[in-house]
Amino acid sequence: MNAVGRSARIRVLVAEHAARRGAQVGVLDVCTAAVADLPVQGAGVSAMSLSKSSHPLCSTDDVSEQLEELQLTLGEGPCVDAFAQGTAVLTADLLVDDVLGRWPAFAPAAAQAGARAVFAFPLRIGATRPGVLDLYAHQPGGLDPEQLADAKVFADTATLVLLQTPHTGHSTPATLVDGGTLDLYFADLGGYRAEIDQATGMLTEQLGVGIDEAFIRLRAYAYAHGRRLADVSRDVVARTLRFTPDPPPNKGTMHDDI
């Protein structure tokens, strides 16, 4: 199938999933369409930025939700690398030695969650990179060339959905127009990110550190306590969880010679 036909087919699939929900097209529809069309069991999209904290936008099941949260909390994994490198990261088996060495925290945790293969595709148009699409499979194995080409189009479609988000606050149902092209709209899911950003800002005051260090401390707490980053952030914002600065190093007591 040529690129134009492939893109048209996938956009129709995405629109059909949105139409079944009776809602505007969103990245969730891209994810559910990808799962229905490809040999994967789940998908998720995370919004990512060089200047702001990353955050999951959607996931199709509990496993994909855990994968997005794990990578955000640990700061490692195919999603993180795909965004940093700007290229797809295709991991046919998470439990081979080189992968375990590359992501020593993420790989075993992801396998324990139920994923053995993960395929991450950066969302990008030119220099704009709003996030990453992650696909996972229960069993190890790769994507064939046709499946890989389809997955890249799903990523491109997710990019268009994100970048064509209207800021009017109005919701528009998904429609098929002009023989199958999409009228793409996507509701703003910035609330999740805003809560993490707010919690990080509060930690800069509580800990007396910069924004990067505060976010590292927030992630470290979530990982150490086995909690979702969003839940920890919510507790910080609600002031039911407060961080305390590290005690100053003990330099001992100086005595003057008499």
Protein backbone atom coordinates (compact mmCIF):
# COMPACT_ATOMS: atom_id res chain seq x y z
CA MET A 1 0.00 0.00 0.00
CA ASN A 2 1.32 3.45 -0.85
CA ALA A 3 1.80 6.14 1.78
CA VAL A 4 -1.32 8.12 0.81
CA GLY A 5 -3.56 5.06 0.92
CA ARG A 6 -2.07 3.91 4.21
CA SER A 7 -2.59 7.31 5.82
CA ALA A 8 -6.19 7.55 4.59
CA ARG A 9 -7.03 4.06 5.84
CA ILE A 10 -5.63 4.71 9.30
CA ARG A 11 -7.31 8.09 9.65
CA VAL A 12 -10.64 6.47 8.84
CA LEU A 13 -9.98 3.79 11.49
CA VAL A 14 -9.26 6.49 14.07
CA ALA A 15 -12.36 8.46 13.14
CA GLU A 16 -14.50 5.32 13.41
CA HIS A 17 -13.28 4.69 16.96
CA ALA A 18 -14.11 8.28 17.91
CA ALA A 19 -17.54 8.01 16.27
CA ARG A 20 -18.34 4.92 18.34
CA ARG A 21 -17.65 6.97 21.46
CA GLY A 22 -19.76 9.81 20.07
CA ALA A 23 -16.93 12.16 20.89
CA GLN A 24 -14.29 14.34 19.30
CA VAL A 25 -11.21 12.59 17.95
CA GLY A 26 -8.49 12.29 20.57
CA VAL A 27 -5.25 10.43 21.08
CA LEU A 28 -7.20 7.69 22.84
CA ASP A 29 -8.86 6.91 19.50
CA VAL A 30 -5.44 6.71 17.84
CA CYS A 31 -4.32 4.28 20.54
CA THR A 32 -7.40 2.05 20.40
CA ALA A 33 -7.27 1.96 16.60
CA ALA A 34 -3.60 0.99 16.71
CA VAL A 35 -4.31 -1.86 19.13
CA ALA A 36 -7.12 -3.12 16.90
CA ASP A 37 -4.97 -2.93 13.77
CA LEU A 38 -1.54 -4.08 14.94
CA PRO A 39 -0.25 -7.21 16.74
CA VAL A 40 -0.05 -5.40 20.09
CA GLN A 41 -2.15 -5.58 23.22
CA GLY A 42 -1.97 -1.98 24.40
CA ALA A 43 -0.94 1.56 23.56
CA GLY A 44 -0.34 4.85 25.31
CA VAL A 45 0.69 8.40 24.51
CA SER A 46 2.76 10.66 26.73
CA ALA A 47 3.21 14.38 26.17
CA MET A 48 6.88 15.27 26.47
CA SER A 49 8.87 18.48 26.43
CA LEU A 50 12.46 19.60 26.93
CA SER A 51 11.33 22.46 29.14
CA LYS A 52 8.37 21.06 31.10
CA SER A 53 7.54 17.89 32.99
CA SER A 54 6.28 15.02 30.86
CA HIS A 55 2.92 13.41 31.51
CA PRO A 56 0.80 10.53 30.18
CA LEU A 57 -2.13 11.60 28.04
CA CYS A 58 -3.91 8.29 27.60
CA SER A 59 -3.57 4.53 27.74
CA THR A 60 -5.74 1.68 26.54
CA ASP A 61 -5.35 -0.66 29.52
CA ASP A 62 -3.73 -1.08 32.92
CA VAL A 63 -0.45 -2.38 31.51
CA SER A 64 0.04 0.51 29.10
CA GLU A 65 -0.86 2.92 31.92
CA GLN A 66 1.82 1.34 34.09
CA LEU A 67 4.38 1.56 31.27
CA GLU A 68 3.77 5.28 30.79
CA GLU A 69 3.96 5.92 34.53
CA LEU A 70 7.08 3.78 34.97
CA GLN A 71 9.00 5.64 32.30
CA LEU A 72 7.94 9.02 33.62
CA THR A 73 8.85 8.06 37.19
CA LEU A 74 12.12 6.28 36.40
CA GLY A 75 13.30 8.60 33.65
CA GLU A 76 14.30 5.68 31.45
CA GLY A 77 12.74 3.39 28.84
CA PRO A 78 11.94 3.31 25.13
CA CYS A 79 9.59 6.30 25.39
CA VAL A 80 12.30 8.44 26.99
CA ASP A 81 14.90 7.37 24.43
CA ALA A 82 12.55 7.81 21.46
CA PHE A 83 11.85 11.39 22.50
CA ALA A 84 15.51 12.20 23.17
CA GLN A 85 16.76 10.64 19.91
CA GLY A 86 13.83 11.64 17.71
CA THR A 87 13.64 8.13 16.23
CA ALA A 88 11.60 4.98 16.85
CA VAL A 89 12.91 2.64 19.55
CA LEU A 90 11.84 -0.93 18.80
CA THR A 91 12.36 -3.45 21.60
CA ALA A 92 11.35 -6.97 20.59
CA ASP A 93 12.22 -8.46 23.99
CA LEU A 94 12.65 -6.53 27.23
CA LEU A 95 14.42 -9.39 28.99
CA VAL A 96 17.52 -9.82 26.84
CA ASP A 97 20.80 -8.80 28.42
CA ASP A 98 21.50 -5.66 26.38
CA VAL A 99 18.02 -4.27 27.08
CA LEU A 100 18.29 -5.03 30.79
CA GLY A 101 21.62 -3.24 30.78
CA ARG A 102 20.17 -0.26 28.94
CA TRP A 103 17.11 0.13 31.20
CA PRO A 104 17.98 -1.72 34.43
CA ALA A 105 14.99 -0.36 36.35
CA PHE A 106 12.36 -0.09 33.62
CA ALA A 107 12.86 -3.36 31.72
CA PRO A 108 12.19 -5.83 34.57
CA ALA A 109 9.40 -3.66 35.98
CA ALA A 110 7.71 -3.48 32.58
CA ALA A 111 8.00 -7.24 32.12
CA GLN A 112 6.52 -7.79 35.56
CA ALA A 113 3.63 -5.51 34.59
CA GLY A 114 2.88 -7.74 31.59
CA ALA A 115 4.87 -6.36 28.64
CA ARG A 116 7.62 -8.25 26.82
CA ALA A 117 7.93 -6.10 23.68
CA VAL A 118 7.63 -2.31 23.50
CA PHE A 119 7.71 -0.07 20.43
CA ALA A 120 8.05 3.68 20.95
CA PHE A 121 7.50 6.27 18.20
CA PRO A 122 8.25 9.97 18.64
CA LEU A 123 5.44 12.31 17.66
CA ARG A 124 7.05 14.90 15.45
CA ILE A 125 6.51 17.32 12.60
CA GLY A 126 9.74 19.01 11.65
CA ALA A 127 11.41 20.24 14.82
CA THR A 128 8.16 19.98 16.82
CA ARG A 129 8.05 16.95 19.13
CA PRO A 130 4.98 16.97 21.39
CA GLY A 131 5.31 13.44 22.74
CA VAL A 132 5.68 9.70 22.13
CA LEU A 133 3.37 6.83 21.16
CA ASP A 134 4.11 3.55 22.97
CA LEU A 135 2.84 0.14 21.86
CA TYR A 136 3.37 -3.05 23.83
CA ALA A 137 2.88 -6.79 23.31
CA HIS A 138 2.56 -9.57 25.87
CA GLN A 139 4.93 -11.83 23.95
CA PRO A 140 8.40 -11.05 22.57
CA GLY A 141 8.59 -10.36 18.86
CA GLY A 142 9.00 -7.53 16.38
CA LEU A 143 6.88 -5.76 13.80
CA ASP A 144 7.16 -6.68 10.13
CA PRO A 145 7.79 -3.89 7.57
CA GLU A 146 4.10 -3.33 6.82
CA GLN A 147 3.18 -3.24 10.51
CA LEU A 148 6.05 -0.87 11.21
CA ALA A 149 4.89 1.45 8.43
CA ASP A 150 1.36 1.41 9.87
CA ALA A 151 2.67 2.14 13.37
CA LYS A 152 4.54 5.19 12.09
CA VAL A 153 1.35 6.50 10.49
CA PHE A 154 -0.51 6.03 13.77
CA ALA A 155 2.23 8.13 15.40
CA ASP A 156 1.87 10.79 12.69
CA THR A 157 -1.88 10.82 13.23
CA ALA A 158 -1.42 11.25 16.98
CA THR A 159 0.88 14.18 16.25
CA LEU A 160 -1.75 15.86 14.11
CA VAL A 161 -4.38 15.33 16.78
CA LEU A 162 -2.19 16.99 19.39
CA LEU A 163 -1.04 19.89 17.23
CA GLN A 164 -4.49 20.66 15.82
CA THR A 165 -6.10 20.99 19.25
CA PRO A 166 -8.42 23.99 19.27
CA HIS A 167 -8.18 26.30 22.28
CA THR A 168 -11.77 27.54 22.14
CA GLY A 169 -13.01 25.19 24.82
CA HIS A 170 -15.71 23.85 22.49
CA SER A 171 -16.14 20.14 21.83
CA THR A 172 -16.75 18.99 18.29
CA PRO A 173 -17.85 15.43 17.39
CA ALA A 174 -15.54 13.46 15.13
CA THR A 175 -16.61 13.46 11.50
CA LEU A 176 -15.49 11.97 8.22
CA VAL A 177 -15.27 14.55 5.45
CA ASP A 178 -13.92 14.76 1.90
CA GLY A 179 -13.97 11.04 1.32
CA GLY A 180 -12.28 9.99 4.52
CA THR A 181 -9.95 12.74 5.72
CA LEU A 182 -10.38 13.65 9.36
CA ASP A 183 -11.68 16.73 11.03
CA LEU A 184 -9.21 16.35 13.90
CA TYR A 185 -9.96 17.78 17.31
CA PHE A 186 -8.63 16.88 20.69
CA ALA A 187 -9.73 17.95 24.18
CA ASP A 188 -7.07 19.62 26.29
CA LEU A 189 -5.73 17.14 28.83
CA GLY A 190 -3.38 19.62 30.43
CA GLY A 191 -4.88 19.17 33.88
CA TYR A 192 -2.66 16.18 34.59
CA ARG A 193 0.45 18.09 33.63
CA ALA A 194 -0.66 21.19 35.51
CA GLU A 195 -0.95 19.19 38.73
CA ILE A 196 2.56 17.75 38.36
CA ASP A 197 3.93 21.19 37.48
CA GLN A 198 2.17 22.73 40.48
CA ALA A 199 3.52 20.07 42.82
CA THR A 200 7.03 20.53 41.42
CA GLY A 201 6.75 24.28 41.96
CA MET A 202 5.64 23.74 45.54
CA LEU A 203 8.66 21.50 46.15
CA THR A 204 11.04 24.22 45.00
CA GLU A 205 9.76 26.26 47.96
CA GLN A 206 9.66 23.38 50.43
CA LEU A 207 13.13 22.10 49.56
CA GLY A 208 14.83 25.31 48.50
CA VAL A 209 16.00 23.76 45.21
CA GLY A 210 15.60 24.46 41.51
CA ILE A 211 12.78 23.13 39.35
CA ASP A 212 14.81 20.26 37.88
CA GLU A 213 15.95 19.01 41.28
CA ALA A 214 12.40 19.33 42.63
CA PHE A 215 11.03 17.16 39.81
CA ILE A 216 13.75 14.56 40.43
CA ARG A 217 12.80 14.46 44.10
CA LEU A 218 9.11 14.09 43.21
CA ARG A 219 9.86 11.18 40.87
CA ALA A 220 12.20 9.55 43.38
CA TYR A 221 9.54 9.65 46.09
CA ALA A 222 6.94 8.10 43.78
CA TYR A 223 9.35 5.31 42.78
CA ALA A 224 10.55 4.62 46.33
CA HIS A 225 6.99 4.33 47.63
CA GLY A 226 5.58 2.39 44.67
CA ARG A 227 3.07 5.12 43.83
CA ARG A 228 1.95 6.84 40.65
CA LEU A 229 3.54 10.21 40.07
CA ALA A 230 0.11 11.75 39.55
CA ASP A 231 -1.09 10.53 42.96
CA VAL A 232 1.98 11.87 44.75
CA SER A 233 1.59 15.21 42.96
CA ARG A 234 -2.06 15.38 43.98
CA ASP A 235 -1.11 14.84 47.63
CA VAL A 236 1.53 17.57 47.46
CA VAL A 237 -0.93 20.03 45.91
CA ALA A 238 -3.56 19.09 48.53
CA ARG A 239 -0.89 19.68 51.23
CA THR A 240 -1.39 16.20 52.67
CA LEU A 241 2.22 15.41 51.77
CA ARG A 242 5.10 17.74 52.51
CA PHE A 243 8.76 17.28 51.68
CA THR A 244 11.49 18.46 54.04
CA PRO A 245 14.95 19.71 53.05
CA ASP A 246 17.92 17.43 53.56
CA PRO A 247 19.71 18.18 56.84
CA PRO A 248 22.99 20.04 56.44
CA PRO A 249 26.09 17.84 56.54
CA ASN A 250 27.60 17.36 59.99
CA LYS A 251 30.91 19.15 59.89
CA GLY A 252 31.77 18.34 63.49
CA THR A 253 32.66 20.77 66.26
CA MET A 254 35.71 22.98 66.02
CA HIS A 255 37.72 23.51 69.22
CA ASP A 256 40.23 26.28 69.75
CA ASP A 257 43.56 25.23 71.13
CA ILE A 258 44.19 26.76 74.51
